[in-house]
Amino acid sequence: MPRSVNHVASRAKRKNLIKLAKGYFGRRKNVWTVAKNAIEKGLVYAYSGRKQKKRNFRSLWITRINAGVRQHGMSYSQFMGALHKSGIELNRKALADLAMNHPDAFKAVVETVKK
């Protein structure tokens, strides 16, 4: 009995992968083996990039909070320590937003923490 090979599924699989390579330069967009390697590497970068994005945003929030707190005569570490002691449960994202867009509200938080 002859060997059965599902050419339709193989072609569809290759076609989908070549679609993912759309926008790549040179042979990376249309040669199967090169495109496959490029896509796999790109997906690895995408996975690690999603983790790095979280780190980058956290450091951005810390920088913004530090800049806002220094205007009121404190350092970031002093402020965060006092914030936790006072029992205020605002995360860094919310604090950074207050520091950037609502300086009066942020000042009120800093004054509360200083007491």
Protein backbone atom coordinates (compact mmCIF):
# COMPACT_ATOMS: atom_id res chain seq x y z
CA MET A 1 0.00 0.00 0.00
CA PRO A 2 1.44 3.42 -0.91
CA ARG A 3 2.46 5.89 1.75
CA SER A 4 -0.23 8.46 2.54
CA VAL A 5 0.96 12.05 2.90
CA ASN A 6 -1.36 14.91 3.71
CA HIS A 7 -0.12 17.51 1.22
CA VAL A 8 -3.07 19.82 1.85
CA ALA A 9 -2.24 20.20 5.56
CA SER A 10 1.50 20.60 4.84
CA ARG A 11 0.83 23.34 2.29
CA ALA A 12 -1.59 25.11 4.66
CA LYS A 13 0.98 25.00 7.47
CA ARG A 14 3.66 26.51 5.24
CA LYS A 15 1.26 29.11 3.90
CA ASN A 16 0.34 30.27 7.41
CA LEU A 17 4.00 30.56 8.40
CA ILE A 18 4.84 32.53 5.26
CA LYS A 19 1.93 34.87 6.15
CA LEU A 20 3.62 35.52 9.49
CA ALA A 21 6.80 36.50 7.62
CA LYS A 22 4.98 39.29 5.78
CA GLY A 23 7.00 42.49 5.95
CA TYR A 24 10.37 40.77 6.37
CA PHE A 25 13.18 41.71 3.98
CA GLY A 26 14.74 39.55 1.29
CA ARG A 27 14.55 35.78 1.46
CA ARG A 28 13.17 35.91 4.98
CA LYS A 29 9.72 36.61 3.56
CA ASN A 30 9.39 33.96 0.86
CA VAL A 31 11.93 31.11 1.26
CA TRP A 32 10.46 28.45 3.52
CA THR A 33 13.50 27.48 5.63
CA VAL A 34 14.75 31.04 6.07
CA ALA A 35 11.26 32.33 6.87
CA LYS A 36 10.67 29.51 9.37
CA ASN A 37 13.89 30.32 11.25
CA ALA A 38 13.14 34.05 11.20
CA ILE A 39 9.60 33.51 12.52
CA GLU A 40 10.77 31.20 15.32
CA LYS A 41 13.42 33.72 16.40
CA GLY A 42 10.88 36.52 16.21
CA LEU A 43 8.48 34.64 18.45
CA VAL A 44 11.26 34.10 20.99
CA TYR A 45 11.97 37.84 20.98
CA ALA A 46 8.25 38.58 21.31
CA TYR A 47 7.97 36.34 24.38
CA SER A 48 10.96 37.91 26.13
CA GLY A 49 9.83 41.37 25.00
CA ARG A 50 6.54 40.97 26.86
CA LYS A 51 8.52 40.35 30.05
CA GLN A 52 10.89 43.28 29.41
CA LYS A 53 7.94 45.59 28.82
CA LYS A 54 6.75 45.02 32.39
CA ARG A 55 10.25 45.81 33.74
CA ASN A 56 10.51 48.95 31.63
CA PHE A 57 7.16 50.29 32.79
CA ARG A 58 7.96 49.62 36.44
CA SER A 59 11.24 51.55 36.15
CA LEU A 60 9.42 54.39 34.37
CA TRP A 61 6.86 54.58 37.18
CA ILE A 62 9.63 54.61 39.80
CA THR A 63 11.41 57.43 37.97
CA ARG A 64 8.23 59.50 37.79
CA ILE A 65 7.40 58.94 41.46
CA ASN A 66 10.95 59.85 42.44
CA ALA A 67 10.80 63.07 40.43
CA GLY A 68 7.46 63.99 41.99
CA VAL A 69 8.55 63.18 45.54
CA ARG A 70 11.84 65.11 45.30
CA GLN A 71 9.85 68.30 44.70
CA HIS A 72 8.45 67.79 48.20
CA GLY A 73 11.80 67.14 49.86
CA MET A 74 11.85 63.33 50.09
CA SER A 75 13.60 60.53 48.25
CA TYR A 76 11.81 57.66 46.54
CA SER A 77 12.89 55.06 49.10
CA GLN A 78 11.89 57.23 52.06
CA PHE A 79 8.52 57.88 50.46
CA MET A 80 7.79 54.21 49.69
CA GLY A 81 8.82 53.15 53.18
CA ALA A 82 6.60 55.78 54.77
CA LEU A 83 3.78 54.91 52.37
CA HIS A 84 3.78 51.27 53.46
CA LYS A 85 4.00 52.22 57.15
CA SER A 86 1.02 54.55 56.82
CA GLY A 87 -1.04 51.75 55.26
CA ILE A 88 -1.83 53.50 51.98
CA GLU A 89 -2.19 50.83 49.33
CA LEU A 90 -1.54 52.68 46.09
CA ASN A 91 0.54 50.86 43.51
CA ARG A 92 3.39 52.44 41.57
CA LYS A 93 1.32 52.80 38.41
CA ALA A 94 -1.34 54.86 40.19
CA LEU A 95 1.25 56.93 42.06
CA ALA A 96 3.13 57.72 38.85
CA ASP A 97 -0.13 58.80 37.19
CA LEU A 98 -0.89 61.08 40.15
CA ALA A 99 2.61 62.54 40.06
CA MET A 100 2.38 63.28 36.32
CA ASN A 101 -1.23 64.32 35.78
CA HIS A 102 -2.60 65.32 39.19
CA PRO A 103 0.17 67.06 41.16
CA ASP A 104 -2.26 68.43 43.79
CA ALA A 105 -3.56 64.96 44.62
CA PHE A 106 0.00 63.63 44.70
CA LYS A 107 1.01 66.44 47.05
CA ALA A 108 -1.85 65.44 49.37
CA VAL A 109 -0.57 61.85 49.41
CA VAL A 110 2.97 63.04 50.18
CA GLU A 111 1.74 65.30 52.99
CA THR A 112 -0.29 62.41 54.45
CA VAL A 113 2.75 60.16 54.38
CA LYS A 114 5.04 62.80 55.97
CA LYS A 115 2.88 62.99 59.11
